[in-house]
Amino acid sequence: MKVYLLKSKGKGSVPDYIQVRNETHAIIGYFKASNLEKGLDEIGIDDPSRRQRAIALLEQLPYGKIVQAEL
C-alpha cells in the first residue's frame, strides 16, 4: 500500500502525532507517535513482518516532512 506519512511535533502536554494519507492525500490514519501498534491496527497492517518494517520506518520519520512510503 503506497502512503504518505507526516509526523507532527507536539508542544507541552500535546503529544506527537503521525498522519497516514493515501494516494489522493485523504487521511486514512491519525494516531499518537507513542502508540504505533494501535495506529497500525487502525490502517489494517496485520502481517508481522510488515508491522516490524512499518514501526522501524515510523520511529525514524523526520518531523514536519511528508514522506512517501510503501507499507
PDB file of N, CA and C in Angstrom:
ATOM      1  N   MET A   1       0.846  -1.161   0.000  1.00  0.00           N
ATOM      2  CA  MET A   1       0.000   0.000   0.000  1.00  0.00           C
ATOM      3  C   MET A   1       0.903   1.238   0.000  1.00  0.00           C
ATOM      4  N   LYS A   2       0.746   2.101  -1.020  1.00  0.00           N
ATOM      5  CA  LYS A   2       1.523   3.335  -1.095  1.00  0.00           C
ATOM      6  C   LYS A   2       0.824   4.394  -0.258  1.00  0.00           C
ATOM      7  N   VAL A   3       1.572   5.003   0.679  1.00  0.00           N
ATOM      8  CA  VAL A   3       1.012   6.010   1.572  1.00  0.00           C
ATOM      9  C   VAL A   3       1.972   7.191   1.699  1.00  0.00           C
ATOM     10  N   TYR A   4       1.450   8.258   2.252  1.00  0.00           N
ATOM     11  CA  TYR A   4       2.257   9.427   2.581  1.00  0.00           C
ATOM     12  C   TYR A   4       2.179   9.607   4.093  1.00  0.00           C
ATOM     13  N   LEU A   5       3.323   9.829   4.706  1.00  0.00           N
ATOM     14  CA  LEU A   5       3.410   9.922   6.161  1.00  0.00           C
ATOM     15  C   LEU A   5       3.875  11.311   6.567  1.00  0.00           C
ATOM     16  N   LEU A   6       3.318  11.808   7.658  1.00  0.00           N
ATOM     17  CA  LEU A   6       3.714  13.093   8.203  1.00  0.00           C
ATOM     18  C   LEU A   6       3.708  12.984   9.725  1.00  0.00           C
ATOM     19  N   LYS A   7       4.825  13.339  10.330  1.00  0.00           N
ATOM     20  CA  LYS A   7       4.948  13.311  11.788  1.00  0.00           C
ATOM     21  C   LYS A   7       4.975  14.751  12.290  1.00  0.00           C
ATOM     22  N   SER A   8       4.057  15.073  13.206  1.00  0.00           N
ATOM     23  CA  SER A   8       3.989  16.429  13.744  1.00  0.00           C
ATOM     24  C   SER A   8       4.413  16.430  15.208  1.00  0.00           C
ATOM     25  N   LYS A   9       5.156  17.460  15.573  1.00  0.00           N
ATOM     26  CA  LYS A   9       5.704  17.598  16.926  1.00  0.00           C
ATOM     27  C   LYS A   9       4.686  18.286  17.824  1.00  0.00           C
ATOM     28  N   GLY A  10       4.396  17.662  18.963  1.00  0.00           N
ATOM     29  CA  GLY A  10       3.500  18.267  19.934  1.00  0.00           C
ATOM     30  C   GLY A  10       4.262  19.227  20.835  1.00  0.00           C
ATOM     31  N   LYS A  11       3.527  20.088  21.510  1.00  0.00           N
ATOM     32  CA  LYS A  11       4.135  21.027  22.457  1.00  0.00           C
ATOM     33  C   LYS A  11       3.464  20.860  23.812  1.00  0.00           C
ATOM     34  N   GLY A  12       4.261  20.935  24.865  1.00  0.00           N
ATOM     35  CA  GLY A  12       3.708  20.837  26.215  1.00  0.00           C
ATOM     36  C   GLY A  12       3.038  19.499  26.445  1.00  0.00           C
ATOM     37  N   SER A  13       1.764  19.519  26.777  1.00  0.00           N
ATOM     38  CA  SER A  13       1.039  18.279  27.051  1.00  0.00           C
ATOM     39  C   SER A  13       0.447  17.639  25.792  1.00  0.00           C
ATOM     40  N   VAL A  14       0.595  18.293  24.641  1.00  0.00           N
ATOM     41  CA  VAL A  14       0.093  17.744  23.378  1.00  0.00           C
ATOM     42  C   VAL A  14       1.133  16.771  22.820  1.00  0.00           C
ATOM     43  N   PRO A  15       0.747  15.512  22.569  1.00  0.00           N
ATOM     44  CA  PRO A  15       1.723  14.523  22.093  1.00  0.00           C
ATOM     45  C   PRO A  15       2.063  14.680  20.601  1.00  0.00           C
ATOM     46  N   ASP A  16       3.118  13.996  20.176  1.00  0.00           N
ATOM     47  CA  ASP A  16       3.466  13.917  18.763  1.00  0.00           C
ATOM     48  C   ASP A  16       2.437  13.027  18.064  1.00  0.00           C
ATOM     49  N   TYR A  17       2.094  13.371  16.823  1.00  0.00           N
ATOM     50  CA  TYR A  17       1.131  12.589  16.055  1.00  0.00           C
ATOM     51  C   TYR A  17       1.706  12.211  14.701  1.00  0.00           C
ATOM     52  N   ILE A  18       1.165  11.134  14.139  1.00  0.00           N
ATOM     53  CA  ILE A  18       1.522  10.687  12.800  1.00  0.00           C
ATOM     54  C   ILE A  18       0.259  10.629  11.961  1.00  0.00           C
ATOM     55  N   GLN A  19       0.330  11.235  10.772  1.00  0.00           N
ATOM     56  CA  GLN A  19      -0.762  11.167   9.802  1.00  0.00           C
ATOM     57  C   GLN A  19      -0.367  10.170   8.720  1.00  0.00           C
ATOM     58  N   VAL A  20      -1.309   9.331   8.332  1.00  0.00           N
ATOM     59  CA  VAL A  20      -1.109   8.413   7.217  1.00  0.00           C
ATOM     60  C   VAL A  20      -2.155   8.782   6.174  1.00  0.00           C
ATOM     61  N   ARG A  21      -1.690   9.082   4.961  1.00  0.00           N
ATOM     62  CA  ARG A  21      -2.589   9.510   3.882  1.00  0.00           C
ATOM     63  C   ARG A  21      -2.440   8.586   2.679  1.00  0.00           C
ATOM     64  N   ASN A  22      -3.524   8.410   1.935  1.00  0.00           N
ATOM     65  CA  ASN A  22      -3.491   7.556   0.741  1.00  0.00           C
ATOM     66  C   ASN A  22      -3.002   8.341  -0.472  1.00  0.00           C
ATOM     67  N   GLU A  23      -3.134   7.751  -1.659  1.00  0.00           N
ATOM     68  CA  GLU A  23      -2.632   8.359  -2.896  1.00  0.00           C
ATOM     69  C   GLU A  23      -3.298   9.694  -3.217  1.00  0.00           C
ATOM     70  N   THR A  24      -4.541   9.879  -2.769  1.00  0.00           N
ATOM     71  CA  THR A  24      -5.249  11.134  -3.010  1.00  0.00           C
ATOM     72  C   THR A  24      -5.091  12.101  -1.832  1.00  0.00           C
ATOM     73  N   HIS A  25      -4.225  11.767  -0.912  1.00  0.00           N
ATOM     74  CA  HIS A  25      -3.896  12.557   0.279  1.00  0.00           C
ATOM     75  C   HIS A  25      -5.032  12.658   1.287  1.00  0.00           C
ATOM     76  N   ALA A  26      -5.997  11.754   1.209  1.00  0.00           N
ATOM     77  CA  ALA A  26      -7.041  11.689   2.233  1.00  0.00           C
ATOM     78  C   ALA A  26      -6.466  10.955   3.443  1.00  0.00           C
ATOM     79  N   ILE A  27      -6.789  11.413   4.641  1.00  0.00           N
ATOM     80  CA  ILE A  27      -6.258  10.784   5.857  1.00  0.00           C
ATOM     81  C   ILE A  27      -6.916   9.424   6.058  1.00  0.00           C
ATOM     82  N   ILE A  28      -6.084   8.388   6.171  1.00  0.00           N
ATOM     83  CA  ILE A  28      -6.589   7.048   6.460  1.00  0.00           C
ATOM     84  C   ILE A  28      -6.180   6.606   7.861  1.00  0.00           C
ATOM     85  N   GLY A  29      -5.293   7.360   8.503  1.00  0.00           N
ATOM     86  CA  GLY A  29      -4.888   7.075   9.864  1.00  0.00           C
ATOM     87  C   GLY A  29      -4.287   8.302  10.520  1.00  0.00           C
ATOM     88  N   TYR A  30      -4.604   8.472  11.812  1.00  0.00           N
ATOM     89  CA  TYR A  30      -4.082   9.607  12.575  1.00  0.00           C
ATOM     90  C   TYR A  30      -3.954   9.110  14.002  1.00  0.00           C
ATOM     91  N   PHE A  31      -2.727   8.990  14.487  1.00  0.00           N
ATOM     92  CA  PHE A  31      -2.522   8.391  15.800  1.00  0.00           C
ATOM     93  C   PHE A  31      -1.290   8.962  16.486  1.00  0.00           C
ATOM     94  N   LYS A  32      -1.212   8.751  17.794  1.00  0.00           N
ATOM     95  CA  LYS A  32      -0.082   9.231  18.579  1.00  0.00           C
ATOM     96  C   LYS A  32       1.176   8.463  18.187  1.00  0.00           C
ATOM     97  N   ALA A  33       2.279   9.176  18.104  1.00  0.00           N
ATOM     98  CA  ALA A  33       3.554   8.546  17.749  1.00  0.00           C
ATOM     99  C   ALA A  33       4.009   7.582  18.845  1.00  0.00           C
ATOM    100  N   SER A  34       3.503   7.748  20.042  1.00  0.00           N
ATOM    101  CA  SER A  34       3.869   6.860  21.144  1.00  0.00           C
ATOM    102  C   SER A  34       3.064   5.562  21.134  1.00  0.00           C
ATOM    103  N   ASN A  35       2.076   5.438  20.252  1.00  0.00           N
ATOM    104  CA  ASN A  35       1.220   4.248  20.210  1.00  0.00           C
ATOM    105  C   ASN A  35       1.139   3.704  18.784  1.00  0.00           C
ATOM    106  N   LEU A  36       2.273   3.277  18.259  1.00  0.00           N
ATOM    107  CA  LEU A  36       2.352   2.833  16.865  1.00  0.00           C
ATOM    108  C   LEU A  36       1.550   1.563  16.597  1.00  0.00           C
ATOM    109  N   GLU A  37       1.542   0.633  17.550  1.00  0.00           N
ATOM    110  CA  GLU A  37       0.812  -0.633  17.359  1.00  0.00           C
ATOM    111  C   GLU A  37      -0.674  -0.378  17.090  1.00  0.00           C
ATOM    112  N   LYS A  38      -1.279   0.484  17.882  1.00  0.00           N
ATOM    113  CA  LYS A  38      -2.695   0.803  17.706  1.00  0.00           C
ATOM    114  C   LYS A  38      -2.919   1.494  16.364  1.00  0.00           C
ATOM    115  N   GLY A  39      -2.011   2.361  15.985  1.00  0.00           N
ATOM    116  CA  GLY A  39      -2.120   3.055  14.703  1.00  0.00           C
ATOM    117  C   GLY A  39      -2.055   2.103  13.526  1.00  0.00           C
ATOM    118  N   LEU A  40      -1.179   1.110  13.609  1.00  0.00           N
ATOM    119  CA  LEU A  40      -1.077   0.126  12.528  1.00  0.00           C
ATOM    120  C   LEU A  40      -2.336  -0.729  12.454  1.00  0.00           C
ATOM    121  N   ASP A  41      -2.939  -1.014  13.605  1.00  0.00           N
ATOM    122  CA  ASP A  41      -4.227  -1.717  13.604  1.00  0.00           C
ATOM    123  C   ASP A  41      -5.282  -0.881  12.893  1.00  0.00           C
ATOM    124  N   GLU A  42      -5.252   0.431  13.142  1.00  0.00           N
ATOM    125  CA  GLU A  42      -6.230   1.353  12.559  1.00  0.00           C
ATOM    126  C   GLU A  42      -6.175   1.359  11.033  1.00  0.00           C
ATOM    127  N   ILE A  43      -4.974   1.235  10.460  1.00  0.00           N
ATOM    128  CA  ILE A  43      -4.868   1.274   8.999  1.00  0.00           C
ATOM    129  C   ILE A  43      -4.809  -0.124   8.382  1.00  0.00           C
ATOM    130  N   GLY A  44      -4.944  -1.168   9.198  1.00  0.00           N
ATOM    131  CA  GLY A  44      -5.097  -2.523   8.683  1.00  0.00           C
ATOM    132  C   GLY A  44      -3.812  -3.251   8.337  1.00  0.00           C
ATOM    133  N   ILE A  45      -2.721  -2.948   8.997  1.00  0.00           N
ATOM    134  CA  ILE A  45      -1.474  -3.680   8.761  1.00  0.00           C
ATOM    135  C   ILE A  45      -1.374  -4.776   9.812  1.00  0.00           C
ATOM    136  N   ASP A  46      -1.624  -6.027   9.372  1.00  0.00           N
ATOM    137  CA  ASP A  46      -1.682  -7.164  10.291  1.00  0.00           C
ATOM    138  C   ASP A  46      -0.464  -8.074  10.216  1.00  0.00           C
ATOM    139  N   ASP A  47       0.141  -8.173   9.058  1.00  0.00           N
ATOM    140  CA  ASP A  47       1.261  -9.081   8.851  1.00  0.00           C
ATOM    141  C   ASP A  47       2.444  -8.681   9.741  1.00  0.00           C
ATOM    142  N   PRO A  48       2.978  -9.617  10.543  1.00  0.00           N
ATOM    143  CA  PRO A  48       4.062  -9.279  11.485  1.00  0.00           C
ATOM    144  C   PRO A  48       5.305  -8.676  10.832  1.00  0.00           C
ATOM    145  N   SER A  49       5.701  -9.156   9.662  1.00  0.00           N
ATOM    146  CA  SER A  49       6.900  -8.608   9.026  1.00  0.00           C
ATOM    147  C   SER A  49       6.637  -7.189   8.514  1.00  0.00           C
ATOM    148  N   ARG A  50       5.445  -6.950   7.972  1.00  0.00           N
ATOM    149  CA  ARG A  50       5.076  -5.591   7.528  1.00  0.00           C
ATOM    150  C   ARG A  50       4.999  -4.641   8.717  1.00  0.00           C
ATOM    151  N   ARG A  51       4.459  -5.126   9.837  1.00  0.00           N
ATOM    152  CA  ARG A  51       4.352  -4.294  11.041  1.00  0.00           C
ATOM    153  C   ARG A  51       5.736  -3.891  11.540  1.00  0.00           C
ATOM    154  N   GLN A  52       6.648  -4.837  11.538  1.00  0.00           N
ATOM    155  CA  GLN A  52       8.003  -4.570  12.021  1.00  0.00           C
ATOM    156  C   GLN A  52       8.686  -3.518  11.144  1.00  0.00           C
ATOM    157  N   ARG A  53       8.562  -3.643   9.833  1.00  0.00           N
ATOM    158  CA  ARG A  53       9.147  -2.660   8.914  1.00  0.00           C
ATOM    159  C   ARG A  53       8.483  -1.298   9.085  1.00  0.00           C
ATOM    160  N   ALA A  54       7.160  -1.291   9.233  1.00  0.00           N
ATOM    161  CA  ALA A  54       6.420  -0.040   9.392  1.00  0.00           C
ATOM    162  C   ALA A  54       6.819   0.673  10.685  1.00  0.00           C
ATOM    163  N   ILE A  55       6.965  -0.064  11.773  1.00  0.00           N
ATOM    164  CA  ILE A  55       7.362   0.538  13.048  1.00  0.00           C
ATOM    165  C   ILE A  55       8.748   1.146  12.938  1.00  0.00           C
ATOM    166  N   ALA A  56       9.678   0.430  12.307  1.00  0.00           N
ATOM    167  CA  ALA A  56      11.035   0.957  12.130  1.00  0.00           C
ATOM    168  C   ALA A  56      10.997   2.258  11.321  1.00  0.00           C
ATOM    169  N   LEU A  57      10.190   2.297  10.276  1.00  0.00           N
ATOM    170  CA  LEU A  57      10.071   3.498   9.448  1.00  0.00           C
ATOM    171  C   LEU A  57       9.439   4.646  10.226  1.00  0.00           C
ATOM    172  N   LEU A  58       8.346   4.374  10.941  1.00  0.00           N
ATOM    173  CA  LEU A  58       7.641   5.421  11.669  1.00  0.00           C
ATOM    174  C   LEU A  58       8.487   6.013  12.791  1.00  0.00           C
ATOM    175  N   GLU A  59       9.299   5.205  13.432  1.00  0.00           N
ATOM    176  CA  GLU A  59      10.156   5.702  14.502  1.00  0.00           C
ATOM    177  C   GLU A  59      11.234   6.642  13.976  1.00  0.00           C
ATOM    178  N   GLN A  60      11.629   6.479  12.722  1.00  0.00           N
ATOM    179  CA  GLN A  60      12.696   7.296  12.147  1.00  0.00           C
ATOM    180  C   GLN A  60      12.194   8.474  11.316  1.00  0.00           C
ATOM    181  N   LEU A  61      10.877   8.661  11.241  1.00  0.00           N
ATOM    182  CA  LEU A  61      10.322   9.759  10.445  1.00  0.00           C
ATOM    183  C   LEU A  61      10.810  11.111  10.958  1.00  0.00           C
ATOM    184  N   PRO A  62      11.192  11.995  10.052  1.00  0.00           N
ATOM    185  CA  PRO A  62      11.539  13.356  10.477  1.00  0.00           C
ATOM    186  C   PRO A  62      10.251  14.146  10.746  1.00  0.00           C
ATOM    187  N   TYR A  63      10.330  15.097  11.634  1.00  0.00           N
ATOM    188  CA  TYR A  63       9.180  15.940  11.941  1.00  0.00           C
ATOM    189  C   TYR A  63       8.931  16.934  10.806  1.00  0.00           C
ATOM    190  N   GLY A  64       7.658  17.100  10.442  1.00  0.00           N
ATOM    191  CA  GLY A  64       7.262  18.146   9.513  1.00  0.00           C
ATOM    192  C   GLY A  64       7.559  17.905   8.041  1.00  0.00           C
ATOM    193  N   LYS A  65       7.983  16.707   7.667  1.00  0.00           N
ATOM    194  CA  LYS A  65       8.253  16.418   6.254  1.00  0.00           C
ATOM    195  C   LYS A  65       7.348  15.280   5.799  1.00  0.00           C
ATOM    196  N   ILE A  66       6.722  15.458   4.641  1.00  0.00           N
ATOM    197  CA  ILE A  66       5.884  14.404   4.076  1.00  0.00           C
ATOM    198  C   ILE A  66       6.792  13.389   3.397  1.00  0.00           C
ATOM    199  N   VAL A  67       6.626  12.122   3.767  1.00  0.00           N
ATOM    200  CA  VAL A  67       7.456  11.047   3.232  1.00  0.00           C
ATOM    201  C   VAL A  67       6.554  10.038   2.542  1.00  0.00           C
ATOM    202  N   GLN A  68       6.888   9.686   1.313  1.00  0.00           N
ATOM    203  CA  GLN A  68       6.151   8.655   0.598  1.00  0.00           C
ATOM    204  C   GLN A  68       6.746   7.310   0.989  1.00  0.00           C
ATOM    205  N   ALA A  69       5.886   6.336   1.275  1.00  0.00           N
ATOM    206  CA  ALA A  69       6.368   5.029   1.722  1.00  0.00           C
ATOM    207  C   ALA A  69       5.453   3.928   1.206  1.00  0.00           C
ATOM    208  N   GLU A  70       5.969   2.731   1.227  1.00  0.00           N
ATOM    209  CA  GLU A  70       5.212   1.523   0.875  1.00  0.00           C
ATOM    210  C   GLU A  70       5.070   0.716   2.159  1.00  0.00           C
ATOM    211  N   LEU A  71       3.832   0.625   2.661  1.00  0.00           N
ATOM    212  CA  LEU A  71       3.592  -0.132   3.906  1.00  0.00           C
ATOM    213  C   LEU A  71       2.920  -1.444   3.616  1.00  0.00           C
TER     214      LEU A  71
END
